[in-house]
């Protein structure tokens, strides 16, 4: 089944690669690459969810990375809350 975001028991969020805008650390020249595979994020490493300076929905991580996505804020928030609760759900 095709999905954009889904949560997996164990606190993981899976995001389809084509909906990830960037993965980067502030004040660095280059970001990380997704290479077409779904991005797996541990919800326990997310500090908060907000918008970055370009206005994209962004997960801010404990290691300093910012993961910006082409999804609605409500969808990212639901994925974060469901993953923290350990529930499995396809968000969109």
N, C-alpha and C. Protein backbone atom coordinates (compact mmCIF):
# COMPACT_ATOMS: atom_id res chain seq x y z
N UNK A 1 0.84 -1.18 0.00
CA UNK A 1 0.00 0.00 0.00
C UNK A 1 0.89 1.24 0.00
N UNK A 2 0.56 2.20 -0.84
CA UNK A 2 1.34 3.43 -0.92
C UNK A 2 1.00 4.33 0.26
N UNK A 3 2.01 5.02 0.76
CA UNK A 3 1.82 5.93 1.88
C UNK A 3 2.82 7.08 1.76
N UNK A 4 2.53 8.15 2.47
CA UNK A 4 3.46 9.27 2.56
C UNK A 4 4.15 9.24 3.91
N UNK A 5 3.35 9.10 4.97
CA UNK A 5 3.88 8.98 6.33
C UNK A 5 3.16 7.84 7.03
N UNK A 6 3.92 7.07 7.79
CA UNK A 6 3.28 6.07 8.63
C UNK A 6 4.11 5.88 9.89
N UNK A 7 3.44 5.42 10.94
CA UNK A 7 4.14 5.15 12.18
C UNK A 7 4.22 3.64 12.36
N UNK A 8 5.26 3.22 13.03
CA UNK A 8 5.54 1.80 13.24
C UNK A 8 5.70 1.58 14.74
N UNK A 9 5.16 0.49 15.29
CA UNK A 9 5.37 0.24 16.72
C UNK A 9 6.86 0.28 17.06
N UNK A 10 7.17 0.82 18.19
CA UNK A 10 8.57 0.99 18.57
C UNK A 10 8.99 2.44 18.46
N UNK A 11 8.06 3.32 18.10
CA UNK A 11 8.35 4.75 18.07
C UNK A 11 9.02 5.24 16.81
N UNK A 12 8.81 4.57 15.67
CA UNK A 12 9.43 5.00 14.42
C UNK A 12 8.41 5.66 13.50
N UNK A 13 8.89 6.64 12.76
CA UNK A 13 8.09 7.32 11.73
C UNK A 13 8.79 7.06 10.40
N UNK A 14 8.02 6.60 9.41
CA UNK A 14 8.55 6.36 8.07
C UNK A 14 7.97 7.41 7.14
N UNK A 15 8.84 8.12 6.41
CA UNK A 15 8.42 9.17 5.49
C UNK A 15 8.91 8.82 4.09
N UNK A 16 8.01 8.86 3.11
CA UNK A 16 8.38 8.59 1.72
C UNK A 16 9.43 9.61 1.27
N UNK A 17 10.45 9.13 0.59
CA UNK A 17 11.61 9.96 0.23
C UNK A 17 11.24 11.18 -0.60
N UNK A 18 10.25 11.07 -1.49
CA UNK A 18 9.90 12.20 -2.35
C UNK A 18 9.24 13.34 -1.58
N UNK A 19 8.86 13.13 -0.32
CA UNK A 19 8.24 14.18 0.49
C UNK A 19 9.22 14.81 1.47
N UNK A 20 10.47 14.36 1.45
CA UNK A 20 11.52 14.97 2.28
C UNK A 20 12.18 16.07 1.46
N UNK A 21 12.12 17.29 1.95
CA UNK A 21 12.73 18.42 1.25
C UNK A 21 14.22 18.46 1.53
N UNK A 22 14.59 18.38 2.80
CA UNK A 22 16.00 18.43 3.15
C UNK A 22 16.26 17.83 4.52
N UNK A 23 17.47 17.33 4.68
CA UNK A 23 17.97 16.86 5.97
C UNK A 23 19.30 17.57 6.15
N UNK A 24 19.36 18.47 7.10
CA UNK A 24 20.60 19.24 7.24
C UNK A 24 20.79 19.71 8.67
N UNK A 25 22.01 20.10 8.91
CA UNK A 25 22.39 20.69 10.18
C UNK A 25 22.60 22.18 9.93
N UNK A 26 22.08 23.04 10.80
CA UNK A 26 22.32 24.47 10.61
C UNK A 26 23.81 24.78 10.61
N UNK A 27 24.20 25.76 9.84
CA UNK A 27 25.59 26.21 9.73
C UNK A 27 26.51 25.18 9.09
N UNK A 28 25.97 24.26 8.32
CA UNK A 28 26.81 23.32 7.58
C UNK A 28 26.58 23.54 6.09
N UNK A 29 27.56 23.20 5.30
CA UNK A 29 27.48 23.45 3.86
C UNK A 29 26.58 22.47 3.15
N UNK A 30 26.63 21.20 3.53
CA UNK A 30 25.85 20.18 2.84
C UNK A 30 24.93 19.45 3.80
N UNK A 31 23.85 18.92 3.25
CA UNK A 31 22.94 18.12 4.04
C UNK A 31 23.11 16.65 3.70
N UNK A 32 22.27 15.82 4.26
CA UNK A 32 22.31 14.39 4.00
C UNK A 32 21.41 14.08 2.80
N UNK A 33 21.59 12.91 2.22
CA UNK A 33 20.79 12.49 1.07
C UNK A 33 19.89 11.32 1.48
N UNK A 34 18.70 11.24 0.88
CA UNK A 34 17.75 10.17 1.18
C UNK A 34 17.91 9.00 0.20
N UNK A 35 18.27 9.24 -1.03
CA UNK A 35 18.52 8.23 -2.06
C UNK A 35 17.33 7.33 -2.38
N UNK A 36 16.13 7.87 -2.34
CA UNK A 36 14.97 7.14 -2.81
C UNK A 36 14.35 6.16 -1.84
N UNK A 37 14.97 5.89 -0.71
CA UNK A 37 14.41 4.97 0.27
C UNK A 37 13.62 5.76 1.31
N UNK A 38 12.61 5.11 1.94
CA UNK A 38 11.87 5.82 3.00
C UNK A 38 12.81 6.22 4.13
N UNK A 39 12.55 7.37 4.70
CA UNK A 39 13.34 7.87 5.81
C UNK A 39 12.70 7.40 7.11
N UNK A 40 13.48 6.74 7.96
CA UNK A 40 13.00 6.26 9.25
C UNK A 40 13.51 7.20 10.33
N UNK A 41 12.60 7.70 11.16
CA UNK A 41 12.95 8.62 12.22
C UNK A 41 12.48 8.02 13.55
N UNK A 42 13.36 8.03 14.53
CA UNK A 42 12.99 7.61 15.88
C UNK A 42 12.33 8.80 16.57
N UNK A 43 11.06 8.64 16.96
CA UNK A 43 10.31 9.74 17.56
C UNK A 43 10.92 10.19 18.88
N UNK A 44 11.66 9.33 19.54
CA UNK A 44 12.32 9.69 20.79
C UNK A 44 13.44 10.69 20.60
N UNK A 45 13.91 10.85 19.37
CA UNK A 45 15.01 11.78 19.08
C UNK A 45 14.51 13.12 18.55
N UNK A 46 13.19 13.28 18.43
CA UNK A 46 12.63 14.55 17.97
C UNK A 46 12.46 15.47 19.17
N UNK A 47 13.05 16.65 19.08
CA UNK A 47 12.94 17.62 20.17
C UNK A 47 11.62 18.36 20.06
N UNK A 48 11.33 18.89 18.87
CA UNK A 48 10.05 19.55 18.65
C UNK A 48 9.74 19.64 17.16
N UNK A 49 8.51 19.97 16.87
CA UNK A 49 8.00 20.10 15.50
C UNK A 49 7.59 21.55 15.30
N UNK A 50 8.06 22.14 14.22
CA UNK A 50 7.72 23.53 13.94
C UNK A 50 7.99 23.81 12.46
N UNK A 51 8.05 25.09 12.12
CA UNK A 51 8.38 25.51 10.77
C UNK A 51 9.81 26.06 10.79
N UNK A 52 10.59 25.76 9.73
CA UNK A 52 11.94 26.32 9.65
C UNK A 52 11.87 27.73 9.05
N UNK A 53 13.02 28.35 8.81
CA UNK A 53 13.04 29.73 8.32
C UNK A 53 12.46 29.86 6.91
N UNK A 54 12.44 28.76 6.13
CA UNK A 54 11.83 28.79 4.80
C UNK A 54 10.33 28.53 4.84
N UNK A 55 9.78 28.21 6.00
CA UNK A 55 8.35 27.97 6.14
C UNK A 55 7.92 26.54 5.93
N UNK A 56 8.86 25.58 5.90
CA UNK A 56 8.52 24.17 5.73
C UNK A 56 8.32 23.50 7.08
N UNK A 57 7.41 22.53 7.14
CA UNK A 57 7.20 21.74 8.35
C UNK A 57 8.49 20.96 8.61
N UNK A 58 9.00 21.06 9.85
CA UNK A 58 10.32 20.52 10.15
C UNK A 58 10.35 19.83 11.50
N UNK A 59 10.95 18.62 11.53
CA UNK A 59 11.27 17.97 12.79
C UNK A 59 12.67 18.43 13.19
N UNK A 60 12.82 18.95 14.39
CA UNK A 60 14.12 19.34 14.92
C UNK A 60 14.59 18.21 15.83
N UNK A 61 15.77 17.67 15.53
CA UNK A 61 16.26 16.47 16.20
C UNK A 61 17.26 16.80 17.32
N UNK A 62 17.46 15.84 18.24
CA UNK A 62 18.40 16.04 19.35
C UNK A 62 19.84 16.17 18.87
N UNK A 63 20.19 15.56 17.74
CA UNK A 63 21.56 15.63 17.23
C UNK A 63 21.81 16.89 16.40
N UNK A 64 20.85 17.79 16.34
CA UNK A 64 21.03 19.06 15.65
C UNK A 64 20.51 19.09 14.23
N UNK A 65 20.10 17.95 13.69
CA UNK A 65 19.59 17.93 12.32
C UNK A 65 18.17 18.48 12.25
N UNK A 66 17.84 19.03 11.11
CA UNK A 66 16.49 19.50 10.81
C UNK A 66 15.99 18.71 9.60
N UNK A 67 14.84 18.06 9.75
CA UNK A 67 14.26 17.27 8.66
C UNK A 67 13.02 18.00 8.19
N UNK A 68 13.10 18.63 7.00
CA UNK A 68 12.00 19.40 6.43
C UNK A 68 11.22 18.53 5.45
N UNK A 69 9.88 18.67 5.49
CA UNK A 69 9.02 17.80 4.70
C UNK A 69 7.93 18.58 3.99
N UNK A 70 7.40 17.97 2.91
CA UNK A 70 6.27 18.53 2.16
C UNK A 70 4.99 17.87 2.65
N UNK A 71 4.64 18.08 3.91
CA UNK A 71 3.40 17.55 4.48
C UNK A 71 2.76 18.66 5.30
N UNK A 72 1.51 18.48 5.65
CA UNK A 72 0.83 19.44 6.50
C UNK A 72 1.31 19.31 7.94
N UNK A 73 1.27 20.41 8.67
CA UNK A 73 1.70 20.40 10.07
C UNK A 73 0.90 19.38 10.88
N UNK A 74 -0.41 19.32 10.64
CA UNK A 74 -1.29 18.41 11.39
C UNK A 74 -0.90 16.94 11.16
N UNK A 75 -0.50 16.61 9.93
CA UNK A 75 -0.08 15.24 9.62
C UNK A 75 1.23 14.90 10.34
N UNK A 76 2.17 15.82 10.32
CA UNK A 76 3.45 15.59 11.01
C UNK A 76 3.23 15.49 12.52
N UNK A 77 2.33 16.30 13.04
CA UNK A 77 2.04 16.26 14.48
C UNK A 77 1.38 14.95 14.86
N UNK A 78 0.42 14.49 14.04
CA UNK A 78 -0.24 13.22 14.32
C UNK A 78 0.76 12.06 14.26
N UNK A 79 1.64 12.07 13.27
CA UNK A 79 2.66 11.02 13.17
C UNK A 79 3.56 11.02 14.40
N UNK A 80 3.97 12.19 14.85
CA UNK A 80 4.82 12.30 16.04
C UNK A 80 4.11 11.76 17.28
N UNK A 81 2.86 12.18 17.48
CA UNK A 81 2.11 11.72 18.65
C UNK A 81 1.84 10.23 18.62
N UNK A 82 1.47 9.69 17.45
CA UNK A 82 1.22 8.24 17.33
C UNK A 82 2.49 7.43 17.55
N UNK A 83 3.61 7.92 17.03
CA UNK A 83 4.88 7.20 17.20
C UNK A 83 5.31 7.21 18.66
N UNK A 84 5.12 8.34 19.34
CA UNK A 84 5.45 8.42 20.77
C UNK A 84 4.62 7.44 21.58
N UNK A 85 3.36 7.23 21.15
CA UNK A 85 2.46 6.31 21.84
C UNK A 85 2.71 4.85 21.42
N UNK A 86 3.52 4.63 20.40
CA UNK A 86 3.82 3.28 19.94
C UNK A 86 2.74 2.66 19.09
N UNK A 87 1.90 3.48 18.48
CA UNK A 87 0.79 3.00 17.64
C UNK A 87 1.22 2.91 16.18
N UNK A 88 0.65 1.94 15.48
CA UNK A 88 0.91 1.80 14.04
C UNK A 88 -0.25 2.42 13.28
N UNK A 89 0.06 3.35 12.37
CA UNK A 89 -0.99 4.00 11.59
C UNK A 89 -0.40 4.61 10.34
N UNK A 90 -1.13 4.49 9.23
CA UNK A 90 -0.76 5.19 8.00
C UNK A 90 -1.43 6.56 8.06
N UNK A 91 -0.64 7.61 8.03
CA UNK A 91 -1.16 8.97 8.17
C UNK A 91 -1.75 9.45 6.85
N UNK A 92 -1.02 9.28 5.77
CA UNK A 92 -1.53 9.67 4.44
C UNK A 92 -0.75 8.90 3.41
